Amino acid sequence: MSAQAKDPRLDLLEARREHNAGTQVENDRLPAGSSMYYYCTTCGAHVATKPEGWWQDPPPKHCATCKDDIQDGVIARDDSYDDWLKEHGRSKYAER
């Protein structure tokens, strides 16, 4: 019996995570009244920018690609970008 082939979308997820590491904006460091930036909880890609205090339309938790991969069962729902960052010793924010 042969081993099941790895889905190539997992390699693309890894590449997205590598690309997004160190690129996120630290919302809590922005001046009051600044727009808030939201990121995919699976790969760290930017998914929305909303005015501070915006509540009518919550930002998505996942980018379109990760959402599709989760629905297809390629990525587990609990596979988080934050966990990946910790495992790889990376930061989501740019070095200062």
PDB file of N, CA and C in Angstrom:
ATOM      1  N   MET A   1       0.850  -1.171   0.000  1.00  0.00           N
ATOM      2  CA  MET A   1       0.000   0.000   0.000  1.00  0.00           C
ATOM      3  C   MET A   1       0.897   1.236   0.000  1.00  0.00           C
ATOM      4  N   SER A   2       0.658   2.155  -0.919  1.00  0.00           N
ATOM      5  CA  SER A   2       1.504   3.338  -1.032  1.00  0.00           C
ATOM      6  C   SER A   2       1.001   4.456  -0.119  1.00  0.00           C
ATOM      7  N   ALA A   3       1.919   5.307   0.254  1.00  0.00           N
ATOM      8  CA  ALA A   3       1.561   6.450   1.100  1.00  0.00           C
ATOM      9  C   ALA A   3       0.731   7.440   0.294  1.00  0.00           C
ATOM     10  N   GLN A   4      -0.192   8.072   0.979  1.00  0.00           N
ATOM     11  CA  GLN A   4      -1.042   9.053   0.307  1.00  0.00           C
ATOM     12  C   GLN A   4      -0.212  10.287  -0.043  1.00  0.00           C
ATOM     13  N   ALA A   5      -0.377  10.788  -1.249  1.00  0.00           N
ATOM     14  CA  ALA A   5       0.370  11.951  -1.705  1.00  0.00           C
ATOM     15  C   ALA A   5      -0.049  13.193  -0.927  1.00  0.00           C
ATOM     16  N   LYS A   6       0.911  14.058  -0.669  1.00  0.00           N
ATOM     17  CA  LYS A   6       0.650  15.311   0.031  1.00  0.00           C
ATOM     18  C   LYS A   6      -0.039  16.280  -0.930  1.00  0.00           C
ATOM     19  N   ASP A   7      -1.085  16.928  -0.447  1.00  0.00           N
ATOM     20  CA  ASP A   7      -1.816  17.889  -1.281  1.00  0.00           C
ATOM     21  C   ASP A   7      -0.920  19.096  -1.552  1.00  0.00           C
ATOM     22  N   PRO A   8      -0.745  19.487  -2.809  1.00  0.00           N
ATOM     23  CA  PRO A   8       0.118  20.630  -3.131  1.00  0.00           C
ATOM     24  C   PRO A   8      -0.376  21.945  -2.521  1.00  0.00           C
ATOM     25  N   ARG A   9      -1.637  21.998  -2.124  1.00  0.00           N
ATOM     26  CA  ARG A   9      -2.144  23.222  -1.500  1.00  0.00           C
ATOM     27  C   ARG A   9      -1.500  23.464  -0.139  1.00  0.00           C
ATOM     28  N   LEU A  10      -0.993  22.407   0.496  1.00  0.00           N
ATOM     29  CA  LEU A  10      -0.276  22.584   1.765  1.00  0.00           C
ATOM     30  C   LEU A  10       1.052  23.300   1.548  1.00  0.00           C
ATOM     31  N   ASP A  11       1.709  23.027   0.416  1.00  0.00           N
ATOM     32  CA  ASP A  11       2.941  23.751   0.078  1.00  0.00           C
ATOM     33  C   ASP A  11       2.636  25.221  -0.195  1.00  0.00           C
ATOM     34  N   LEU A  12       1.504  25.485  -0.833  1.00  0.00           N
ATOM     35  CA  LEU A  12       1.105  26.879  -1.096  1.00  0.00           C
ATOM     36  C   LEU A  12       0.785  27.601   0.212  1.00  0.00           C
ATOM     37  N   LEU A  13       0.161  26.905   1.149  1.00  0.00           N
ATOM     38  CA  LEU A  13      -0.108  27.494   2.460  1.00  0.00           C
ATOM     39  C   LEU A  13       1.207  27.856   3.141  1.00  0.00           C
ATOM     40  N   GLU A  14       2.162  26.971   3.113  1.00  0.00           N
ATOM     41  CA  GLU A  14       3.475  27.233   3.716  1.00  0.00           C
ATOM     42  C   GLU A  14       4.125  28.463   3.077  1.00  0.00           C
ATOM     43  N   ALA A  15       4.027  28.570   1.761  1.00  0.00           N
ATOM     44  CA  ALA A  15       4.600  29.720   1.060  1.00  0.00           C
ATOM     45  C   ALA A  15       3.885  31.021   1.452  1.00  0.00           C
ATOM     46  N   ARG A  16       2.563  30.978   1.593  1.00  0.00           N
ATOM     47  CA  ARG A  16       1.815  32.172   2.020  1.00  0.00           C
ATOM     48  C   ARG A  16       2.234  32.586   3.422  1.00  0.00           C
ATOM     49  N   ARG A  17       2.379  31.618   4.299  1.00  0.00           N
ATOM     50  CA  ARG A  17       2.794  31.919   5.670  1.00  0.00           C
ATOM     51  C   ARG A  17       4.184  32.550   5.688  1.00  0.00           C
ATOM     52  N   GLU A  18       5.109  31.981   4.941  1.00  0.00           N
ATOM     53  CA  GLU A  18       6.469  32.550   4.851  1.00  0.00           C
ATOM     54  C   GLU A  18       6.415  33.979   4.328  1.00  0.00           C
ATOM     55  N   HIS A  19       5.621  34.190   3.285  1.00  0.00           N
ATOM     56  CA  HIS A  19       5.504  35.522   2.673  1.00  0.00           C
ATOM     57  C   HIS A  19       4.913  36.544   3.649  1.00  0.00           C
ATOM     58  N   ASN A  20       3.950  36.138   4.458  1.00  0.00           N
ATOM     59  CA  ASN A  20       3.249  37.063   5.344  1.00  0.00           C
ATOM     60  C   ASN A  20       3.945  37.299   6.680  1.00  0.00           C
ATOM     61  N   ALA A  21       4.898  36.456   7.036  1.00  0.00           N
ATOM     62  CA  ALA A  21       5.609  36.628   8.311  1.00  0.00           C
ATOM     63  C   ALA A  21       6.319  37.976   8.323  1.00  0.00           C
ATOM     64  N   GLY A  22       6.113  38.730   9.397  1.00  0.00           N
ATOM     65  CA  GLY A  22       6.775  40.020   9.555  1.00  0.00           C
ATOM     66  C   GLY A  22       6.140  41.163   8.804  1.00  0.00           C
ATOM     67  N   THR A  23       4.929  40.976   8.289  1.00  0.00           N
ATOM     68  CA  THR A  23       4.310  42.031   7.478  1.00  0.00           C
ATOM     69  C   THR A  23       3.085  42.673   8.113  1.00  0.00           C
ATOM     70  N   GLN A  24       2.599  42.136   9.215  1.00  0.00           N
ATOM     71  CA  GLN A  24       1.352  42.645   9.770  1.00  0.00           C
ATOM     72  C   GLN A  24       1.542  43.962  10.533  1.00  0.00           C
ATOM     73  N   VAL A  25       0.496  44.776  10.506  1.00  0.00           N
ATOM     74  CA  VAL A  25       0.474  46.048  11.218  1.00  0.00           C
ATOM     75  C   VAL A  25       0.026  45.790  12.656  1.00  0.00           C
ATOM     76  N   GLU A  26       0.690  46.401  13.610  1.00  0.00           N
ATOM     77  CA  GLU A  26       0.303  46.285  15.020  1.00  0.00           C
ATOM     78  C   GLU A  26      -0.767  47.332  15.300  1.00  0.00           C
ATOM     79  N   ASN A  27      -2.023  46.914  15.278  1.00  0.00           N
ATOM     80  CA  ASN A  27      -3.133  47.843  15.463  1.00  0.00           C
ATOM     81  C   ASN A  27      -3.029  48.635  16.761  1.00  0.00           C
ATOM     82  N   ASP A  28      -2.556  48.001  17.819  1.00  0.00           N
ATOM     83  CA  ASP A  28      -2.500  48.689  19.107  1.00  0.00           C
ATOM     84  C   ASP A  28      -1.421  49.775  19.162  1.00  0.00           C
ATOM     85  N   ARG A  29      -0.566  49.836  18.171  1.00  0.00           N
ATOM     86  CA  ARG A  29       0.465  50.874  18.112  1.00  0.00           C
ATOM     87  C   ARG A  29       0.071  52.045  17.211  1.00  0.00           C
ATOM     88  N   LEU A  30      -1.065  51.945  16.562  1.00  0.00           N
ATOM     89  CA  LEU A  30      -1.536  53.020  15.681  1.00  0.00           C
ATOM     90  C   LEU A  30      -2.179  54.133  16.502  1.00  0.00           C
ATOM     91  N   PRO A  31      -2.162  55.353  15.996  1.00  0.00           N
ATOM     92  CA  PRO A  31      -2.824  56.452  16.712  1.00  0.00           C
ATOM     93  C   PRO A  31      -4.332  56.221  16.801  1.00  0.00           C
ATOM     94  N   ALA A  32      -4.936  56.777  17.842  1.00  0.00           N
ATOM     95  CA  ALA A  32      -6.390  56.665  18.012  1.00  0.00           C
ATOM     96  C   ALA A  32      -7.088  57.165  16.749  1.00  0.00           C
ATOM     97  N   GLY A  33      -8.133  56.457  16.359  1.00  0.00           N
ATOM     98  CA  GLY A  33      -8.895  56.824  15.179  1.00  0.00           C
ATOM     99  C   GLY A  33      -8.389  56.205  13.887  1.00  0.00           C
ATOM    100  N   SER A  34      -7.248  55.515  13.945  1.00  0.00           N
ATOM    101  CA  SER A  34      -6.697  54.872  12.745  1.00  0.00           C
ATOM    102  C   SER A  34      -7.554  53.682  12.339  1.00  0.00           C
ATOM    103  N   SER A  35      -7.492  53.355  11.073  1.00  0.00           N
ATOM    104  CA  SER A  35      -8.150  52.142  10.589  1.00  0.00           C
ATOM    105  C   SER A  35      -7.502  50.927  11.239  1.00  0.00           C
ATOM    106  N   MET A  36      -8.280  49.853  11.354  1.00  0.00           N
ATOM    107  CA  MET A  36      -7.792  48.607  11.934  1.00  0.00           C
ATOM    108  C   MET A  36      -7.554  47.607  10.798  1.00  0.00           C
ATOM    109  N   TYR A  37      -6.480  46.852  10.921  1.00  0.00           N
ATOM    110  CA  TYR A  37      -6.112  45.873   9.904  1.00  0.00           C
ATOM    111  C   TYR A  37      -6.394  44.476  10.429  1.00  0.00           C
ATOM    112  N   TYR A  38      -6.974  43.646   9.575  1.00  0.00           N
ATOM    113  CA  TYR A  38      -7.350  42.288   9.958  1.00  0.00           C
ATOM    114  C   TYR A  38      -6.687  41.292   9.010  1.00  0.00           C
ATOM    115  N   TYR A  39      -6.314  40.140   9.584  1.00  0.00           N
ATOM    116  CA  TYR A  39      -5.534  39.154   8.853  1.00  0.00           C
ATOM    117  C   TYR A  39      -6.143  37.760   8.977  1.00  0.00           C
ATOM    118  N   CYS A  40      -5.881  36.939   7.975  1.00  0.00           N
ATOM    119  CA  CYS A  40      -6.341  35.547   7.968  1.00  0.00           C
ATOM    120  C   CYS A  40      -5.725  34.817   9.161  1.00  0.00           C
ATOM    121  N   THR A  41      -6.551  34.101   9.905  1.00  0.00           N
ATOM    122  CA  THR A  41      -6.050  33.379  11.076  1.00  0.00           C
ATOM    123  C   THR A  41      -5.291  32.106  10.704  1.00  0.00           C
ATOM    124  N   THR A  42      -5.332  31.734   9.428  1.00  0.00           N
ATOM    125  CA  THR A  42      -4.644  30.522   8.986  1.00  0.00           C
ATOM    126  C   THR A  42      -3.314  30.813   8.297  1.00  0.00           C
ATOM    127  N   CYS A  43      -3.253  31.866   7.459  1.00  0.00           N
ATOM    128  CA  CYS A  43      -2.011  32.138   6.731  1.00  0.00           C
ATOM    129  C   CYS A  43      -1.427  33.523   6.992  1.00  0.00           C
ATOM    130  N   GLY A  44      -2.168  34.406   7.644  1.00  0.00           N
ATOM    131  CA  GLY A  44      -1.651  35.734   7.950  1.00  0.00           C
ATOM    132  C   GLY A  44      -1.836  36.769   6.858  1.00  0.00           C
ATOM    133  N   ALA A  45      -2.543  36.432   5.783  1.00  0.00           N
ATOM    134  CA  ALA A  45      -2.774  37.390   4.694  1.00  0.00           C
ATOM    135  C   ALA A  45      -3.748  38.481   5.138  1.00  0.00           C
ATOM    136  N   HIS A  46      -3.544  39.672   4.641  1.00  0.00           N
ATOM    137  CA  HIS A  46      -4.450  40.788   4.942  1.00  0.00           C
ATOM    138  C   HIS A  46      -5.822  40.477   4.336  1.00  0.00           C
ATOM    139  N   VAL A  47      -6.877  40.572   5.162  1.00  0.00           N
ATOM    140  CA  VAL A  47      -8.226  40.272   4.662  1.00  0.00           C
ATOM    141  C   VAL A  47      -9.160  41.474   4.687  1.00  0.00           C
ATOM    142  N   ALA A  48      -8.855  42.483   5.522  1.00  0.00           N
ATOM    143  CA  ALA A  48      -9.745  43.646   5.579  1.00  0.00           C
ATOM    144  C   ALA A  48      -9.087  44.791   6.337  1.00  0.00           C
ATOM    145  N   THR A  49      -9.519  45.991   5.981  1.00  0.00           N
ATOM    146  CA  THR A  49      -9.177  47.197   6.723  1.00  0.00           C
ATOM    147  C   THR A  49     -10.493  47.870   7.044  1.00  0.00           C
ATOM    148  N   LYS A  50     -10.732  48.125   8.325  1.00  0.00           N
ATOM    149  CA  LYS A  50     -12.002  48.709   8.771  1.00  0.00           C
ATOM    150  C   LYS A  50     -11.716  49.937   9.628  1.00  0.00           C
ATOM    151  N   PRO A  51     -12.618  50.930   9.577  1.00  0.00           N
ATOM    152  CA  PRO A  51     -12.444  52.079  10.471  1.00  0.00           C
ATOM    153  C   PRO A  51     -12.521  51.630  11.929  1.00  0.00           C
ATOM    154  N   GLU A  52     -11.809  52.328  12.790  1.00  0.00           N
ATOM    155  CA  GLU A  52     -11.854  52.001  14.215  1.00  0.00           C
ATOM    156  C   GLU A  52     -13.298  52.054  14.701  1.00  0.00           C
ATOM    157  N   GLY A  53     -13.697  51.072  15.480  1.00  0.00           N
ATOM    158  CA  GLY A  53     -15.049  51.025  16.021  1.00  0.00           C
ATOM    159  C   GLY A  53     -16.094  50.474  15.065  1.00  0.00           C
ATOM    160  N   TRP A  54     -15.685  50.016  13.902  1.00  0.00           N
ATOM    161  CA  TRP A  54     -16.619  49.463  12.924  1.00  0.00           C
ATOM    162  C   TRP A  54     -17.180  48.159  13.446  1.00  0.00           C
ATOM    163  N   TRP A  55     -18.461  47.996  13.425  1.00  0.00           N
ATOM    164  CA  TRP A  55     -19.063  46.784  13.974  1.00  0.00           C
ATOM    165  C   TRP A  55     -20.125  46.172  13.086  1.00  0.00           C
ATOM    166  N   GLN A  56     -20.613  46.895  12.070  1.00  0.00           N
ATOM    167  CA  GLN A  56     -21.721  46.390  11.260  1.00  0.00           C
ATOM    168  C   GLN A  56     -21.361  45.152  10.436  1.00  0.00           C
ATOM    169  N   ASP A  57     -20.153  45.091   9.954  1.00  0.00           N
ATOM    170  CA  ASP A  57     -19.739  44.030   9.034  1.00  0.00           C
ATOM    171  C   ASP A  57     -18.413  43.455   9.533  1.00  0.00           C
ATOM    172  N   PRO A  58     -18.442  42.401  10.349  1.00  0.00           N
ATOM    173  CA  PRO A  58     -17.175  41.893  10.895  1.00  0.00           C
ATOM    174  C   PRO A  58     -16.245  41.396   9.790  1.00  0.00           C
ATOM    175  N   PRO A  59     -14.954  41.567   9.982  1.00  0.00           N
ATOM    176  CA  PRO A  59     -14.003  41.107   8.963  1.00  0.00           C
ATOM    177  C   PRO A  59     -13.992  39.584   8.900  1.00  0.00           C
ATOM    178  N   PRO A  60     -13.645  39.024   7.751  1.00  0.00           N
ATOM    179  CA  PRO A  60     -13.567  37.563   7.647  1.00  0.00           C
ATOM    180  C   PRO A  60     -12.413  37.027   8.487  1.00  0.00           C
ATOM    181  N   LYS A  61     -12.551  35.800   8.953  1.00  0.00           N
ATOM    182  CA  LYS A  61     -11.488  35.167   9.731  1.00  0.00           C
ATOM    183  C   LYS A  61     -10.418  34.556   8.828  1.00  0.00           C
ATOM    184  N   HIS A  62     -10.808  34.244   7.597  1.00  0.00           N
ATOM    185  CA  HIS A  62      -9.891  33.573   6.673  1.00  0.00           C
ATOM    186  C   HIS A  62      -9.901  34.275   5.322  1.00  0.00           C
ATOM    187  N   CYS A  63      -8.772  34.209   4.625  1.00  0.00           N
ATOM    188  CA  CYS A  63      -8.731  34.673   3.239  1.00  0.00           C
ATOM    189  C   CYS A  63      -9.517  33.665   2.392  1.00  0.00           C
ATOM    190  N   ALA A  64      -9.828  34.031   1.172  1.00  0.00           N
ATOM    191  CA  ALA A  64     -10.637  33.168   0.302  1.00  0.00           C
ATOM    192  C   ALA A  64      -9.962  31.812   0.060  1.00  0.00           C
ATOM    193  N   THR A  65      -8.646  31.810  -0.132  1.00  0.00           N
ATOM    194  CA  THR A  65      -7.931  30.562  -0.405  1.00  0.00           C
ATOM    195  C   THR A  65      -7.988  29.620   0.794  1.00  0.00           C
ATOM    196  N   CYS A  66      -7.697  30.148   1.992  1.00  0.00           N
ATOM    197  CA  CYS A  66      -7.741  29.295   3.188  1.00  0.00           C
ATOM    198  C   CYS A  66      -9.164  28.827   3.469  1.00  0.00           C
ATOM    199  N   LYS A  67     -10.128  29.700   3.253  1.00  0.00           N
ATOM    200  CA  LYS A  67     -11.526  29.312   3.469  1.00  0.00           C
ATOM    201  C   LYS A  67     -11.884  28.114   2.584  1.00  0.00           C
ATOM    202  N   ASP A  68     -11.495  28.180   1.314  1.00  0.00           N
ATOM    203  CA  ASP A  68     -11.761  27.064   0.397  1.00  0.00           C
ATOM    204  C   ASP A  68     -11.026  25.799   0.834  1.00  0.00           C
ATOM    205  N   ASP A  69      -9.750  25.951   1.238  1.00  0.00           N
ATOM    206  CA  ASP A  69      -8.962  24.788   1.658  1.00  0.00           C
ATOM    207  C   ASP A  69      -9.530  24.152   2.924  1.00  0.00           C
ATOM    208  N   ILE A  70     -10.044  24.953   3.833  1.00  0.00           N
ATOM    209  CA  ILE A  70     -10.670  24.419   5.051  1.00  0.00           C
ATOM    210  C   ILE A  70     -11.949  23.669   4.689  1.00  0.00           C
ATOM    211  N   GLN A  71     -12.757  24.258   3.813  1.00  0.00           N
ATOM    212  CA  GLN A  71     -14.004  23.604   3.388  1.00  0.00           C
ATOM    213  C   GLN A  71     -13.727  22.293   2.663  1.00  0.00           C
ATOM    214  N   ASP A  72     -12.606  22.243   1.921  1.00  0.00           N
ATOM    215  CA  ASP A  72     -12.238  21.019   1.201  1.00  0.00           C
ATOM    216  C   ASP A  72     -11.554  19.992   2.095  1.00  0.00           C
ATOM    217  N   GLY A  73     -11.275  20.355   3.347  1.00  0.00           N
ATOM    218  CA  GLY A  73     -10.632  19.437   4.272  1.00  0.00           C
ATOM    219  C   GLY A  73      -9.127  19.342   4.118  1.00  0.00           C
ATOM    220  N   VAL A  74      -8.523  20.241   3.353  1.00  0.00           N
ATOM    221  CA  VAL A  74      -7.076  20.232   3.150  1.00  0.00           C
ATOM    222  C   VAL A  74      -6.365  20.783   4.387  1.00  0.00           C
ATOM    223  N   ILE A  75      -6.956  21.811   4.996  1.00  0.00           N
ATOM    224  CA  ILE A  75      -6.406  22.449   6.184  1.00  0.00           C
ATOM    225  C   ILE A  75      -7.390  22.226   7.329  1.00  0.00           C
ATOM    226  N   ALA A  76      -6.873  21.860   8.490  1.00  0.00           N
ATOM    227  CA  ALA A  76      -7.728  21.698   9.672  1.00  0.00           C
ATOM    228  C   ALA A  76      -8.163  23.071  10.177  1.00  0.00           C
ATOM    229  N   ARG A  77      -9.362  23.157  10.724  1.00  0.00           N
ATOM    230  CA  ARG A  77      -9.884  24.427  11.248  1.00  0.00           C
ATOM    231  C   ARG A  77      -9.010  25.010  12.352  1.00  0.00           C
ATOM    232  N   ASP A  78      -8.316  24.149  13.092  1.00  0.00           N
ATOM    233  CA  ASP A  78      -7.496  24.635  14.198  1.00  0.00           C
ATOM    234  C   ASP A  78      -6.027  24.855  13.815  1.00  0.00           C
ATOM    235  N   ASP A  79      -5.700  24.778  12.530  1.00  0.00           N
ATOM    236  CA  ASP A  79      -4.342  25.024  12.040  1.00  0.00           C
ATOM    237  C   ASP A  79      -4.150  26.535  11.946  1.00  0.00           C
ATOM    238  N   SER A  80      -3.508  27.132  12.958  1.00  0.00           N
ATOM    239  CA  SER A  80      -3.449  28.587  13.012  1.00  0.00           C
ATOM    240  C   SER A  80      -2.086  29.150  12.614  1.00  0.00           C
ATOM    241  N   TYR A  81      -2.134  30.352  12.100  1.00  0.00           N
ATOM    242  CA  TYR A  81      -0.931  31.106  11.739  1.00  0.00           C
ATOM    243  C   TYR A  81      -0.097  31.395  12.987  1.00  0.00           C
ATOM    244  N   ASP A  82      -0.744  31.755  14.090  1.00  0.00           N
ATOM    245  CA  ASP A  82      -0.010  32.038  15.329  1.00  0.00           C
ATOM    246  C   ASP A  82       0.780  30.820  15.796  1.00  0.00           C
ATOM    247  N   ASP A  83       0.196  29.627  15.720  1.00  0.00           N
ATOM    248  CA  ASP A  83       0.913  28.407  16.096  1.00  0.00           C
ATOM    249  C   ASP A  83       2.099  28.171  15.164  1.00  0.00           C
ATOM    250  N   TRP A  84       1.886  28.404  13.855  1.00  0.00           N
ATOM    251  CA  TRP A  84       2.963  28.236  12.879  1.00  0.00           C
ATOM    252  C   TRP A  84       4.108  29.189  13.189  1.00  0.00           C
ATOM    253  N   LEU A  85       3.774  30.442  13.512  1.00  0.00           N
ATOM    254  CA  LEU A  85       4.814  31.429  13.840  1.00  0.00           C
ATOM    255  C   LEU A  85       5.642  30.965  15.037  1.00  0.00           C
ATOM    256  N   LYS A  86       4.982  30.473  16.075  1.00  0.00           N
ATOM    257  CA  LYS A  86       5.690  29.996  17.272  1.00  0.00           C
ATOM    258  C   LYS A  86       6.607  28.826  16.931  1.00  0.00           C
ATOM    259  N   GLU A  87       6.093  27.874  16.147  1.00  0.00           N
ATOM    260  CA  GLU A  87       6.882  26.690  15.773  1.00  0.00           C
ATOM    261  C   GLU A  87       8.126  27.058  14.977  1.00  0.00           C
ATOM    262  N   HIS A  88       8.036  28.138  14.204  1.00  0.00           N
ATOM    263  CA  HIS A  88       9.138  28.532  13.327  1.00  0.00           C
ATOM    264  C   HIS A  88       9.947  29.707  13.881  1.00  0.00           C
ATOM    265  N   GLY A  89       9.629  30.145  15.100  1.00  0.00           N
ATOM    266  CA  GLY A  89      10.376  31.239  15.712  1.00  0.00           C
ATOM    267  C   GLY A  89      10.275  32.547  14.950  1.00  0.00           C
ATOM    268  N   ARG A  90       9.127  32.781  14.356  1.00  0.00           N
ATOM    269  CA  ARG A  90       8.920  33.986  13.545  1.00  0.00           C
ATOM    270  C   ARG A  90       7.959  34.938  14.250  1.00  0.00           C
ATOM    271  N   SER A  91       7.940  36.161  13.779  1.00  0.00           N
ATOM    272  CA  SER A  91       7.044  37.189  14.320  1.00  0.00           C
ATOM    273  C   SER A  91       6.091  37.622  13.229  1.00  0.00           C
ATOM    274  N   LYS A  92       4.851  37.955  13.622  1.00  0.00           N
ATOM    275  CA  LYS A  92       3.910  38.445  12.625  1.00  0.00           C
ATOM    276  C   LYS A  92       4.155  39.905  12.291  1.00  0.00           C
ATOM    277  N   TYR A  93       4.893  40.608  13.178  1.00  0.00           N
ATOM    278  CA  TYR A  93       5.133  42.039  12.981  1.00  0.00           C
ATOM    279  C   TYR A  93       6.563  42.290  12.483  1.00  0.00           C
ATOM    280  N   ALA A  94       6.714  43.379  11.770  1.00  0.00           N
ATOM    281  CA  ALA A  94       8.035  43.754  11.260  1.00  0.00           C
ATOM    282  C   ALA A  94       8.958  44.070  12.428  1.00  0.00           C
ATOM    283  N   GLU A  95      10.223  43.730  12.269  1.00  0.00           N
ATOM    284  CA  GLU A  95      11.225  44.031  13.300  1.00  0.00           C
ATOM    285  C   GLU A  95      11.425  45.540  13.380  1.00  0.00           C
ATOM    286  N   ARG A  96      11.583  46.013  14.602  1.00  0.00           N
ATOM    287  CA  ARG A  96      11.840  47.456  14.787  1.00  0.00           C
ATOM    288  C   ARG A  96      13.256  47.695  15.174  1.00  0.00           C
TER     289      ARG A  96
END
